[in-house]
Amino acid sequence: MDLGLRGKVALVTGAGSGIGRAIALALGAEGARVVPTDLKGDTAEATAQEIVARGGEAWARTLDVTDFAQAQQVVREVVARFGRLDVLVNCAGAWRLNLFVDSTPEDWDFEVKVCFMGVVNCTRAVLDQMIAQQSGKIVNISSDAGRVGEVRQAVYSGAKAAVIGFSKAVAKEVGRYNIHVNCVCPGYTKTPATERYLTPELEARIVKAYPLRKLGLPEDVAKAVVFLASEGASHITGQTLSVSGGYSMV
């Protein structure tokens, strides 16, 4: 099936590893011209090289999503190179795993800046161009933690819930310009970051809470993102889709 992504320009944050990398590769496989970005420029470049090796087109950039001026600059560079920007996937994220009563203001500031303000910064950075071209797709990666809350991730859960509310508000504001804004909420997904903590015993306990009795893979999330970025989702905006094996059914 042709999803209508061939030739589209897609910027993906947090594309150096895990879910972001899988999203960038999936968009590249559909023929999109992908701009993988990451705080670590070398990992973004590695993702770009993999897209090119698979026959796609990619151009890596270094991006700290907590820096609004840097986000604006990257968007200007993308538009100067390609003439447009069709898709933004806000995937950059991070967390501090601890009980709230053991966390610090520095922990809170870190999680809110990356997980929520990073989405705000990058969304604002692309909107002028998308409004000018009267089209765009924004897919924000939230989390099931933002829908139901998670122990040891209190502020992270709050920041991800904020992403959902923000996405709905922006979707209402920019729909008149044919810009779609949606959220994807992964559950526990096996990435390099999460597998640092995942033992076979812990995984066996976690999957009991998942009706499909398995944890997700980055590619599972990428498939949903590609759909929401595609022409197949032309009448979908302001929605939140959990990709979590049934962990959350709200």
Protein backbone atom coordinates (compact mmCIF):
# COMPACT_ATOMS: atom_id res chain seq x y z
CA MET A 1 0.00 0.00 0.00
CA ASP A 2 1.31 3.45 -0.94
CA LEU A 3 0.96 5.63 2.16
CA GLY A 4 1.69 8.84 0.29
CA LEU A 5 4.95 9.55 2.12
CA ARG A 6 7.29 9.34 -0.84
CA GLY A 7 9.19 12.59 -1.18
CA LYS A 8 7.81 14.05 2.05
CA VAL A 9 10.29 15.69 4.41
CA ALA A 10 10.18 14.26 7.94
CA LEU A 11 12.12 15.49 10.97
CA VAL A 12 12.42 13.00 13.84
CA THR A 13 13.79 13.98 17.25
CA GLY A 14 15.54 11.42 19.43
CA ALA A 15 16.32 9.42 16.30
CA GLY A 16 19.71 8.18 17.40
CA SER A 17 18.42 5.03 19.09
CA GLY A 18 15.40 3.09 20.27
CA ILE A 19 11.93 4.18 19.19
CA GLY A 20 13.13 7.32 17.43
CA ARG A 21 15.59 5.36 15.32
CA ALA A 22 12.91 2.81 14.38
CA ILE A 23 10.55 5.64 13.36
CA ALA A 24 13.20 7.29 11.19
CA LEU A 25 14.01 3.99 9.48
CA ALA A 26 10.33 3.24 8.89
CA LEU A 27 9.70 6.67 7.36
CA GLY A 28 12.75 6.22 5.16
CA ALA A 29 11.45 2.84 4.00
CA GLU A 30 8.25 4.58 2.85
CA GLY A 31 10.24 6.98 0.69
CA ALA A 32 10.26 10.00 2.97
CA ARG A 33 13.31 12.25 3.04
CA VAL A 34 14.24 11.89 6.69
CA VAL A 35 16.07 14.30 8.98
CA PRO A 36 17.13 12.22 12.01
CA THR A 37 18.09 14.47 14.93
CA ASP A 38 19.56 13.66 18.30
CA LEU A 39 21.40 15.33 21.14
CA LYS A 40 24.29 13.05 20.13
CA GLY A 41 25.07 13.99 16.56
CA ASP A 42 27.02 10.83 15.86
CA THR A 43 24.03 8.60 16.63
CA ALA A 44 21.78 10.72 14.40
CA GLU A 45 24.37 10.36 11.65
CA ALA A 46 24.45 6.58 12.14
CA THR A 47 20.68 6.44 11.67
CA ALA A 48 20.94 8.59 8.54
CA GLN A 49 23.63 6.33 7.12
CA GLU A 50 21.46 3.28 7.74
CA ILE A 51 18.54 4.89 5.90
CA VAL A 52 20.81 5.69 2.96
CA ALA A 53 22.23 2.15 2.98
CA ARG A 54 18.67 0.86 2.61
CA GLY A 55 18.10 3.04 -0.45
CA GLY A 56 16.54 6.07 1.23
CA GLU A 57 17.46 9.73 1.62
CA ALA A 58 18.48 11.21 4.96
CA TRP A 59 20.30 14.19 6.41
CA ALA A 60 21.30 14.11 10.08
CA ARG A 61 21.35 17.11 12.42
CA THR A 62 22.36 17.58 16.03
CA LEU A 63 19.51 18.92 18.14
CA ASP A 64 18.98 19.60 21.83
CA VAL A 65 15.19 19.80 22.01
CA THR A 66 15.34 21.84 25.22
CA ASP A 67 16.92 24.71 23.24
CA PHE A 68 14.21 26.57 21.32
CA ALA A 69 16.68 28.67 19.33
CA GLN A 70 18.48 25.52 18.21
CA ALA A 71 15.19 23.92 17.17
CA GLN A 72 14.37 26.99 15.11
CA GLN A 73 17.78 26.88 13.46
CA VAL A 74 17.48 23.21 12.53
CA VAL A 75 14.06 23.84 10.99
CA ARG A 76 15.45 26.77 8.98
CA GLU A 77 18.25 24.53 7.71
CA VAL A 78 15.80 21.78 6.73
CA VAL A 79 13.56 24.20 4.83
CA ALA A 80 16.56 25.79 3.12
CA ARG A 81 17.74 22.34 1.96
CA PHE A 82 14.42 20.74 1.00
CA GLY A 83 12.05 23.67 0.52
CA ARG A 84 9.45 22.33 2.94
CA LEU A 85 8.82 20.30 6.08
CA ASP A 86 5.91 17.88 6.04
CA VAL A 87 6.25 15.72 9.14
CA LEU A 88 7.53 16.29 12.66
CA VAL A 89 7.85 13.37 15.06
CA ASN A 90 8.63 14.49 18.61
CA CYS A 91 10.26 11.38 20.07
CA ALA A 92 13.12 12.70 22.20
CA GLY A 93 12.60 11.73 25.82
CA ALA A 94 14.36 10.83 29.04
CA TRP A 95 13.55 9.95 32.61
CA ARG A 96 14.99 9.51 36.09
CA LEU A 97 13.80 6.27 37.66
CA ASN A 98 13.07 6.93 41.34
CA LEU A 99 10.27 7.34 43.84
CA PHE A 100 8.87 10.85 43.85
CA VAL A 101 9.79 11.33 47.52
CA ASP A 102 13.39 10.48 46.64
CA SER A 103 13.56 12.74 43.58
CA THR A 104 15.00 16.26 43.44
CA PRO A 105 14.09 19.54 41.75
CA GLU A 106 16.92 18.86 39.31
CA ASP A 107 15.22 15.57 38.35
CA TRP A 108 11.89 17.33 37.83
CA ASP A 109 13.42 20.10 35.74
CA PHE A 110 15.25 17.59 33.56
CA GLU A 111 12.17 15.48 32.80
CA VAL A 112 9.85 18.41 32.16
CA LYS A 113 12.37 20.17 29.90
CA VAL A 114 13.06 17.11 27.76
CA CYS A 115 9.71 15.33 27.72
CA PHE A 116 7.33 18.29 27.61
CA MET A 117 9.15 21.49 26.71
CA GLY A 118 11.09 19.64 24.02
CA VAL A 119 7.77 18.89 22.33
CA VAL A 120 6.63 22.50 22.79
CA ASN A 121 9.88 23.89 21.37
CA CYS A 122 9.98 21.70 18.27
CA THR A 123 6.27 22.04 17.56
CA ARG A 124 6.47 25.83 17.66
CA ALA A 125 9.60 25.74 15.50
CA VAL A 126 7.83 23.93 12.64
CA LEU A 127 4.43 25.62 12.71
CA ASP A 128 5.25 28.75 10.71
CA GLN A 129 6.46 26.64 7.80
CA MET A 130 3.54 24.20 8.00
CA ILE A 131 1.04 27.06 8.16
CA ALA A 132 2.69 28.71 5.15
CA GLN A 133 2.48 25.52 3.10
CA GLN A 134 -1.03 24.78 4.44
CA SER A 135 -0.21 21.21 5.45
CA GLY A 136 1.68 19.16 8.00
CA LYS A 137 1.65 16.14 10.25
CA ILE A 138 2.90 16.26 13.84
CA VAL A 139 3.11 13.04 15.82
CA ASN A 140 4.07 13.38 19.47
CA ILE A 141 5.38 10.39 21.38
CA SER A 142 3.77 10.46 24.81
CA SER A 143 3.52 7.35 26.98
CA ASP A 144 0.96 5.15 28.67
CA ALA A 145 2.58 6.54 31.84
CA GLY A 146 0.88 9.80 30.88
CA ARG A 147 -2.49 8.08 30.70
CA VAL A 148 -2.43 5.93 33.84
CA GLY A 149 0.65 7.02 35.83
CA GLU A 150 3.63 4.89 36.79
CA VAL A 151 5.36 4.33 40.12
CA ARG A 152 8.94 5.67 40.10
CA GLN A 153 8.03 7.92 37.18
CA ALA A 154 5.79 10.55 38.77
CA VAL A 155 7.09 13.68 37.06
CA TYR A 156 7.75 11.80 33.83
CA SER A 157 4.12 10.66 33.90
CA GLY A 158 3.01 14.25 34.45
CA ALA A 159 5.16 15.54 31.60
CA LYS A 160 3.83 12.89 29.23
CA ALA A 161 0.24 13.70 30.27
CA ALA A 162 1.01 17.32 29.44
CA VAL A 163 2.08 16.25 25.95
CA ILE A 164 -1.36 14.75 25.39
CA GLY A 165 -3.21 17.88 26.52
CA PHE A 166 -0.88 20.13 24.54
CA SER A 167 -1.34 18.04 21.40
CA LYS A 168 -5.13 18.27 21.59
CA ALA A 169 -5.04 22.03 22.08
CA VAL A 170 -2.65 22.59 19.17
CA ALA A 171 -4.69 20.24 16.97
CA LYS A 172 -7.75 22.45 17.54
CA GLU A 173 -5.74 25.59 16.79
CA VAL A 174 -4.04 24.53 13.56
CA GLY A 175 -6.56 22.18 12.00
CA ARG A 176 -7.80 25.05 9.81
CA TYR A 177 -4.39 24.98 8.10
CA ASN A 178 -4.64 21.26 7.29
CA ILE A 179 -2.14 20.42 10.02
CA HIS A 180 -2.79 17.23 11.95
CA VAL A 181 -1.50 16.68 15.49
CA ASN A 182 -1.74 13.28 17.18
CA CYS A 183 -0.12 11.32 20.00
CA VAL A 184 1.22 7.80 20.21
CA CYS A 185 1.59 6.29 23.69
CA PRO A 186 3.96 3.33 23.94
CA GLY A 187 3.83 0.99 26.88
CA TYR A 188 6.96 -0.73 28.15
CA THR A 189 9.06 -1.02 24.99
CA LYS A 190 12.31 -2.95 24.71
CA THR A 191 14.89 -0.33 23.78
CA PRO A 192 18.56 0.06 24.68
CA ALA A 193 17.50 2.46 27.44
CA THR A 194 14.89 0.18 29.05
CA GLU A 195 16.82 -3.04 28.62
CA ARG A 196 19.48 -1.75 30.99
CA TYR A 197 16.97 -2.41 33.77
CA LEU A 198 15.20 -5.44 32.31
CA THR A 199 16.07 -8.86 33.68
CA PRO A 200 14.25 -12.03 32.56
CA GLU A 201 12.57 -12.18 35.97
CA LEU A 202 11.40 -8.56 35.77
CA GLU A 203 10.10 -9.03 32.24
CA ALA A 204 8.12 -12.09 33.33
CA ARG A 205 6.45 -10.01 36.05
CA ILE A 206 5.76 -7.02 33.80
CA VAL A 207 4.13 -8.95 30.95
CA LYS A 208 1.44 -10.23 33.30
CA ALA A 209 -0.09 -6.73 33.14
CA TYR A 210 -0.17 -6.86 29.32
CA PRO A 211 -3.12 -8.71 27.71
CA LEU A 212 -0.96 -9.68 24.73
CA ARG A 213 1.59 -11.13 27.19
CA LYS A 214 4.58 -9.48 25.55
CA LEU A 215 6.48 -6.22 25.65
CA GLY A 216 6.59 -3.92 22.69
CA LEU A 217 9.40 -3.36 20.23
CA PRO A 218 10.40 0.00 18.72
CA GLU A 219 9.10 -1.21 15.35
CA ASP A 220 5.60 -1.63 16.83
CA VAL A 221 5.51 2.06 17.70
CA ALA A 222 7.04 3.06 14.37
CA LYS A 223 4.22 1.42 12.42
CA ALA A 224 1.62 3.52 14.23
CA VAL A 225 3.62 6.70 13.74
CA VAL A 226 4.05 6.07 10.02
CA PHE A 227 0.30 5.61 9.67
CA LEU A 228 -0.48 8.85 11.50
CA ALA A 229 2.08 10.68 9.35
CA SER A 230 0.57 9.27 6.17
CA GLU A 231 -2.32 10.14 3.89
CA GLY A 232 -4.18 7.23 5.46
CA ALA A 233 -4.73 9.43 8.52
CA SER A 234 -6.04 12.40 6.55
CA HIS A 235 -9.14 12.75 8.76
CA ILE A 236 -7.51 12.01 12.12
CA THR A 237 -6.33 14.74 14.47
CA GLY A 238 -6.23 15.40 18.20
CA GLN A 239 -6.20 11.68 18.98
CA THR A 240 -4.15 9.54 21.36
CA LEU A 241 -3.28 5.98 20.37
CA SER A 242 -1.77 3.53 22.83
CA VAL A 243 0.64 1.03 21.32
CA SER A 244 1.09 -1.06 24.41
CA GLY A 245 -0.24 -4.56 23.97
CA GLY A 246 -3.44 -3.56 25.77
CA TYR A 247 -1.75 -2.30 28.94
CA SER A 248 -3.87 0.87 28.79
CA MET A 249 -7.42 0.81 27.47
CA VAL A 250 -8.57 4.30 28.43
